[in-house]
Amino acid sequence: MSAASPPTGDDLVRVLATLANPHRLRIVAALARERAYVSRLARQLGISRALLQVHLRKLAAAGLVTARLELSEDGKAMNYYEVEPFVLTLTPEIIATAAETLTGHDSAEQPGAER
């Protein structure tokens, strides 16, 4: 997501839904400071590696983080994660424009939508 092009409705929903989780916000914050491998990041955040992997997969699917497999000095394969640069600017106008591009989303089908 860049400042140059406004997000589509689907992109905006995906990114906001992904970031609407305290663990994922903390992960992005930690990776914004420095890239890290899973074990170190899990220790730093005080969560299990399994839970961290779930959140990293969601962040990667939204295009907010990327992973790179690297070999350590002792030959061990380690997945390093880093934040993909992004800019998210929200104004009522940007939201209105993005809403016009939503695909396959009927508000009556959304959880919590008024019927």
N, C-alpha and C. Protein backbone atom coordinates (compact mmCIF):
# COMPACT_ATOMS: atom_id res chain seq x y z
N MET A 1 0.85 -1.16 0.00
CA MET A 1 0.00 0.00 0.00
C MET A 1 0.90 1.23 0.00
N SER A 2 0.75 2.06 -1.01
CA SER A 2 1.63 3.22 -1.12
C SER A 2 0.81 4.50 -1.08
N ALA A 3 1.51 5.60 -0.84
CA ALA A 3 0.85 6.90 -0.81
C ALA A 3 0.45 7.33 -2.22
N ALA A 4 1.10 6.77 -3.24
CA ALA A 4 0.87 7.20 -4.62
C ALA A 4 -0.50 6.78 -5.14
N SER A 5 -0.97 5.61 -4.75
CA SER A 5 -2.25 5.14 -5.25
C SER A 5 -3.20 4.85 -4.09
N PRO A 6 -4.44 5.30 -4.21
CA PRO A 6 -5.39 5.02 -3.14
C PRO A 6 -5.71 3.53 -3.08
N PRO A 7 -5.98 3.01 -1.91
CA PRO A 7 -6.25 1.57 -1.80
C PRO A 7 -7.61 1.22 -2.39
N THR A 8 -7.72 0.01 -2.90
CA THR A 8 -9.03 -0.48 -3.29
C THR A 8 -9.79 -0.81 -2.01
N GLY A 9 -11.09 -0.97 -2.13
CA GLY A 9 -11.89 -1.32 -0.96
C GLY A 9 -11.45 -2.64 -0.36
N ASP A 10 -11.18 -3.63 -1.22
CA ASP A 10 -10.76 -4.94 -0.72
C ASP A 10 -9.40 -4.86 -0.02
N ASP A 11 -8.48 -4.08 -0.59
CA ASP A 11 -7.16 -3.90 0.04
C ASP A 11 -7.32 -3.24 1.41
N LEU A 12 -8.14 -2.22 1.47
CA LEU A 12 -8.33 -1.49 2.71
C LEU A 12 -8.93 -2.39 3.79
N VAL A 13 -9.94 -3.16 3.43
CA VAL A 13 -10.56 -4.09 4.38
C VAL A 13 -9.52 -5.10 4.87
N ARG A 14 -8.74 -5.65 3.94
CA ARG A 14 -7.74 -6.67 4.30
C ARG A 14 -6.69 -6.11 5.26
N VAL A 15 -6.17 -4.92 4.95
CA VAL A 15 -5.12 -4.34 5.79
C VAL A 15 -5.66 -3.93 7.16
N LEU A 16 -6.82 -3.27 7.18
CA LEU A 16 -7.38 -2.84 8.46
C LEU A 16 -7.75 -4.04 9.33
N ALA A 17 -8.32 -5.08 8.72
CA ALA A 17 -8.66 -6.28 9.49
C ALA A 17 -7.40 -6.95 10.04
N THR A 18 -6.35 -6.95 9.26
CA THR A 18 -5.10 -7.55 9.71
C THR A 18 -4.50 -6.77 10.86
N LEU A 19 -4.53 -5.47 10.78
CA LEU A 19 -3.93 -4.64 11.83
C LEU A 19 -4.82 -4.49 13.06
N ALA A 20 -6.04 -4.97 13.00
CA ALA A 20 -6.98 -4.83 14.12
C ALA A 20 -6.77 -5.92 15.16
N ASN A 21 -5.52 -6.18 15.47
CA ASN A 21 -5.16 -7.20 16.45
C ASN A 21 -3.93 -6.71 17.21
N PRO A 22 -3.99 -6.69 18.54
CA PRO A 22 -2.85 -6.18 19.32
C PRO A 22 -1.54 -6.92 19.06
N HIS A 23 -1.59 -8.23 18.90
CA HIS A 23 -0.36 -8.99 18.63
C HIS A 23 0.26 -8.53 17.31
N ARG A 24 -0.57 -8.38 16.29
CA ARG A 24 -0.03 -8.00 14.99
C ARG A 24 0.51 -6.57 15.00
N LEU A 25 -0.14 -5.68 15.74
CA LEU A 25 0.41 -4.32 15.88
C LEU A 25 1.78 -4.36 16.54
N ARG A 26 1.92 -5.18 17.58
CA ARG A 26 3.22 -5.30 18.27
C ARG A 26 4.28 -5.92 17.36
N ILE A 27 3.88 -6.87 16.55
CA ILE A 27 4.82 -7.50 15.61
C ILE A 27 5.32 -6.47 14.60
N VAL A 28 4.40 -5.71 14.01
CA VAL A 28 4.80 -4.68 13.05
C VAL A 28 5.71 -3.66 13.73
N ALA A 29 5.38 -3.26 14.95
CA ALA A 29 6.21 -2.29 15.67
C ALA A 29 7.62 -2.84 15.90
N ALA A 30 7.72 -4.09 16.31
CA ALA A 30 9.03 -4.69 16.55
C ALA A 30 9.83 -4.81 15.26
N LEU A 31 9.17 -5.23 14.19
CA LEU A 31 9.88 -5.38 12.92
C LEU A 31 10.20 -4.04 12.27
N ALA A 32 9.48 -3.00 12.64
CA ALA A 32 9.80 -1.67 12.12
C ALA A 32 11.14 -1.19 12.69
N ARG A 33 11.48 -1.67 13.88
CA ARG A 33 12.77 -1.31 14.49
C ARG A 33 13.92 -2.10 13.88
N GLU A 34 13.69 -3.41 13.66
CA GLU A 34 14.72 -4.25 13.06
C GLU A 34 14.11 -5.57 12.61
N ARG A 35 14.67 -6.13 11.54
CA ARG A 35 14.21 -7.44 11.09
C ARG A 35 14.60 -8.46 12.15
N ALA A 36 13.89 -9.57 12.19
CA ALA A 36 14.15 -10.56 13.23
C ALA A 36 13.75 -11.95 12.74
N TYR A 37 14.34 -12.97 13.34
CA TYR A 37 13.93 -14.33 13.06
C TYR A 37 12.89 -14.75 14.10
N VAL A 38 12.14 -15.78 13.80
CA VAL A 38 10.96 -16.14 14.57
C VAL A 38 11.24 -16.36 16.05
N SER A 39 12.24 -17.14 16.38
CA SER A 39 12.50 -17.44 17.79
C SER A 39 12.81 -16.19 18.59
N ARG A 40 13.65 -15.32 18.04
CA ARG A 40 14.02 -14.09 18.75
C ARG A 40 12.80 -13.18 18.90
N LEU A 41 12.01 -13.07 17.84
CA LEU A 41 10.83 -12.22 17.88
C LEU A 41 9.81 -12.75 18.89
N ALA A 42 9.62 -14.06 18.94
CA ALA A 42 8.70 -14.66 19.91
C ALA A 42 9.14 -14.37 21.34
N ARG A 43 10.44 -14.50 21.60
CA ARG A 43 10.95 -14.18 22.95
C ARG A 43 10.75 -12.71 23.27
N GLN A 44 11.06 -11.87 22.31
CA GLN A 44 10.94 -10.42 22.50
C GLN A 44 9.50 -10.01 22.82
N LEU A 45 8.55 -10.64 22.15
CA LEU A 45 7.14 -10.28 22.34
C LEU A 45 6.45 -11.07 23.44
N GLY A 46 7.11 -12.12 23.92
CA GLY A 46 6.53 -12.93 24.99
C GLY A 46 5.36 -13.78 24.54
N ILE A 47 5.41 -14.28 23.29
CA ILE A 47 4.37 -15.17 22.80
C ILE A 47 5.02 -16.42 22.22
N SER A 48 4.22 -17.47 22.05
CA SER A 48 4.77 -18.71 21.53
C SER A 48 5.13 -18.57 20.05
N ARG A 49 6.06 -19.40 19.62
CA ARG A 49 6.43 -19.38 18.20
C ARG A 49 5.25 -19.76 17.33
N ALA A 50 4.44 -20.70 17.79
CA ALA A 50 3.27 -21.13 17.01
C ALA A 50 2.29 -19.98 16.81
N LEU A 51 2.00 -19.25 17.87
CA LEU A 51 1.09 -18.11 17.77
C LEU A 51 1.70 -17.02 16.89
N LEU A 52 2.98 -16.78 17.06
CA LEU A 52 3.67 -15.78 16.24
C LEU A 52 3.58 -16.15 14.76
N GLN A 53 3.78 -17.42 14.44
CA GLN A 53 3.72 -17.87 13.04
C GLN A 53 2.34 -17.60 12.44
N VAL A 54 1.28 -17.83 13.22
CA VAL A 54 -0.08 -17.57 12.74
C VAL A 54 -0.21 -16.09 12.36
N HIS A 55 0.24 -15.21 13.25
CA HIS A 55 0.13 -13.77 13.00
C HIS A 55 1.04 -13.32 11.86
N LEU A 56 2.22 -13.89 11.77
CA LEU A 56 3.13 -13.53 10.67
C LEU A 56 2.54 -13.93 9.32
N ARG A 57 1.88 -15.08 9.26
CA ARG A 57 1.24 -15.51 8.01
C ARG A 57 0.15 -14.51 7.60
N LYS A 58 -0.62 -14.04 8.55
CA LYS A 58 -1.69 -13.07 8.24
C LYS A 58 -1.09 -11.75 7.79
N LEU A 59 -0.03 -11.31 8.44
CA LEU A 59 0.63 -10.07 8.04
C LEU A 59 1.25 -10.20 6.64
N ALA A 60 1.83 -11.35 6.36
CA ALA A 60 2.42 -11.57 5.03
C ALA A 60 1.33 -11.62 3.96
N ALA A 61 0.21 -12.27 4.26
CA ALA A 61 -0.89 -12.35 3.29
C ALA A 61 -1.44 -10.96 2.95
N ALA A 62 -1.37 -10.04 3.92
CA ALA A 62 -1.84 -8.67 3.68
C ALA A 62 -0.75 -7.81 3.04
N GLY A 63 0.43 -8.38 2.83
CA GLY A 63 1.52 -7.65 2.19
C GLY A 63 2.25 -6.69 3.11
N LEU A 64 2.11 -6.88 4.42
CA LEU A 64 2.72 -5.96 5.38
C LEU A 64 4.10 -6.41 5.85
N VAL A 65 4.38 -7.71 5.77
CA VAL A 65 5.71 -8.22 6.11
C VAL A 65 6.15 -9.22 5.06
N THR A 66 7.44 -9.41 4.97
CA THR A 66 7.99 -10.44 4.09
C THR A 66 8.98 -11.29 4.88
N ALA A 67 9.22 -12.48 4.38
CA ALA A 67 10.16 -13.40 5.02
C ALA A 67 11.26 -13.76 4.04
N ARG A 68 12.42 -13.97 4.60
CA ARG A 68 13.56 -14.41 3.78
C ARG A 68 14.28 -15.51 4.57
N LEU A 69 14.45 -16.65 3.92
CA LEU A 69 15.14 -17.77 4.53
C LEU A 69 16.64 -17.56 4.37
N GLU A 70 17.37 -17.59 5.49
CA GLU A 70 18.82 -17.41 5.47
C GLU A 70 19.46 -18.49 6.31
N LEU A 71 20.72 -18.79 6.01
CA LEU A 71 21.47 -19.77 6.78
C LEU A 71 22.30 -19.05 7.84
N SER A 72 22.24 -19.58 9.05
CA SER A 72 23.07 -19.02 10.11
C SER A 72 24.50 -19.52 9.94
N GLU A 73 25.40 -19.02 10.77
CA GLU A 73 26.81 -19.43 10.67
C GLU A 73 26.98 -20.93 10.89
N ASP A 74 26.10 -21.52 11.71
CA ASP A 74 26.22 -22.95 11.97
C ASP A 74 25.40 -23.80 10.98
N GLY A 75 24.90 -23.16 9.91
CA GLY A 75 24.20 -23.88 8.85
C GLY A 75 22.72 -24.09 9.08
N LYS A 76 22.19 -23.49 10.13
CA LYS A 76 20.77 -23.64 10.45
C LYS A 76 19.94 -22.66 9.61
N ALA A 77 18.84 -23.15 9.02
CA ALA A 77 17.96 -22.30 8.22
C ALA A 77 17.09 -21.47 9.17
N MET A 78 17.08 -20.16 8.93
CA MET A 78 16.31 -19.26 9.79
C MET A 78 15.48 -18.33 8.91
N ASN A 79 14.21 -18.17 9.27
CA ASN A 79 13.32 -17.27 8.55
C ASN A 79 13.39 -15.89 9.18
N TYR A 80 13.90 -14.92 8.46
CA TYR A 80 13.95 -13.54 8.92
C TYR A 80 12.76 -12.79 8.35
N TYR A 81 12.08 -12.05 9.21
CA TYR A 81 10.93 -11.25 8.80
C TYR A 81 11.29 -9.78 8.88
N GLU A 82 10.70 -9.01 7.96
CA GLU A 82 10.85 -7.57 8.00
C GLU A 82 9.58 -6.91 7.48
N VAL A 83 9.38 -5.68 7.88
CA VAL A 83 8.20 -4.93 7.46
C VAL A 83 8.41 -4.45 6.03
N GLU A 84 7.36 -4.56 5.23
CA GLU A 84 7.35 -3.96 3.90
C GLU A 84 6.93 -2.50 4.09
N PRO A 85 7.64 -1.58 3.49
CA PRO A 85 7.24 -0.17 3.65
C PRO A 85 5.80 0.04 3.15
N PHE A 86 5.02 0.74 3.94
CA PHE A 86 3.66 1.06 3.52
C PHE A 86 3.24 2.37 4.15
N VAL A 87 2.30 3.02 3.50
CA VAL A 87 1.71 4.25 4.01
C VAL A 87 0.20 4.04 3.98
N LEU A 88 -0.44 4.32 5.08
CA LEU A 88 -1.89 4.18 5.14
C LEU A 88 -2.47 5.51 5.61
N THR A 89 -3.10 6.21 4.70
CA THR A 89 -3.74 7.48 5.01
C THR A 89 -5.24 7.28 4.87
N LEU A 90 -5.97 7.62 5.92
CA LEU A 90 -7.42 7.46 5.88
C LEU A 90 -8.11 8.80 6.04
N THR A 91 -8.94 9.10 5.11
CA THR A 91 -9.82 10.25 5.20
C THR A 91 -11.20 9.76 4.80
N PRO A 92 -12.24 10.50 5.11
CA PRO A 92 -13.57 10.07 4.65
C PRO A 92 -13.63 9.92 3.13
N GLU A 93 -12.93 10.78 2.42
CA GLU A 93 -12.94 10.71 0.96
C GLU A 93 -12.25 9.45 0.44
N ILE A 94 -11.12 9.10 1.05
CA ILE A 94 -10.41 7.88 0.65
C ILE A 94 -11.27 6.65 0.93
N ILE A 95 -11.94 6.64 2.07
CA ILE A 95 -12.81 5.52 2.42
C ILE A 95 -13.97 5.44 1.43
N ALA A 96 -14.55 6.59 1.08
CA ALA A 96 -15.67 6.59 0.13
C ALA A 96 -15.24 6.06 -1.23
N THR A 97 -14.08 6.48 -1.69
CA THR A 97 -13.57 6.00 -2.97
C THR A 97 -13.29 4.50 -2.92
N ALA A 98 -12.68 4.05 -1.83
CA ALA A 98 -12.37 2.63 -1.68
C ALA A 98 -13.65 1.80 -1.61
N ALA A 99 -14.66 2.31 -0.93
CA ALA A 99 -15.92 1.57 -0.79
C ALA A 99 -16.57 1.30 -2.14
N GLU A 100 -16.38 2.19 -3.08
CA GLU A 100 -16.95 2.01 -4.42
C GLU A 100 -16.33 0.85 -5.17
N THR A 101 -15.16 0.40 -4.73
CA THR A 101 -14.46 -0.67 -5.44
C THR A 101 -14.59 -2.02 -4.75
N LEU A 102 -15.33 -2.09 -3.65
CA LEU A 102 -15.49 -3.37 -2.95
C LEU A 102 -16.12 -4.40 -3.88
N THR A 103 -15.61 -5.62 -3.79
CA THR A 103 -16.14 -6.70 -4.62
C THR A 103 -16.72 -7.79 -3.74
N GLY A 104 -17.88 -8.29 -4.11
CA GLY A 104 -18.46 -9.46 -3.45
C GLY A 104 -18.76 -9.29 -1.98
N HIS A 105 -18.94 -8.07 -1.52
CA HIS A 105 -19.22 -7.86 -0.11
C HIS A 105 -20.59 -7.21 0.03
N ASP A 106 -21.57 -7.99 0.42
CA ASP A 106 -22.89 -7.46 0.70
C ASP A 106 -22.93 -7.17 2.18
N SER A 107 -23.28 -5.93 2.56
CA SER A 107 -23.24 -5.54 3.97
C SER A 107 -24.10 -6.44 4.84
N ALA A 108 -25.16 -7.02 4.29
CA ALA A 108 -26.03 -7.90 5.08
C ALA A 108 -25.32 -9.21 5.43
N GLU A 109 -24.27 -9.54 4.68
CA GLU A 109 -23.54 -10.78 4.94
C GLU A 109 -22.40 -10.58 5.92
N GLN A 110 -22.07 -9.35 6.26
CA GLN A 110 -20.94 -9.07 7.13
C GLN A 110 -21.33 -9.32 8.59
N PRO A 111 -20.43 -9.94 9.36
CA PRO A 111 -20.71 -10.15 10.79
C PRO A 111 -20.95 -8.81 11.46
N GLY A 112 -21.99 -8.76 12.27
CA GLY A 112 -22.30 -7.54 13.02
C GLY A 112 -23.06 -6.51 12.22
N ALA A 113 -23.37 -6.80 10.97
CA ALA A 113 -24.10 -5.83 10.13
C ALA A 113 -25.56 -5.82 10.56
N GLU A 114 -26.15 -4.65 10.48
CA GLU A 114 -27.56 -4.54 10.80
C GLU A 114 -28.38 -5.19 9.71
N ARG A 115 -29.43 -5.84 10.08
CA ARG A 115 -30.28 -6.52 9.09
C ARG A 115 -31.62 -5.87 9.05
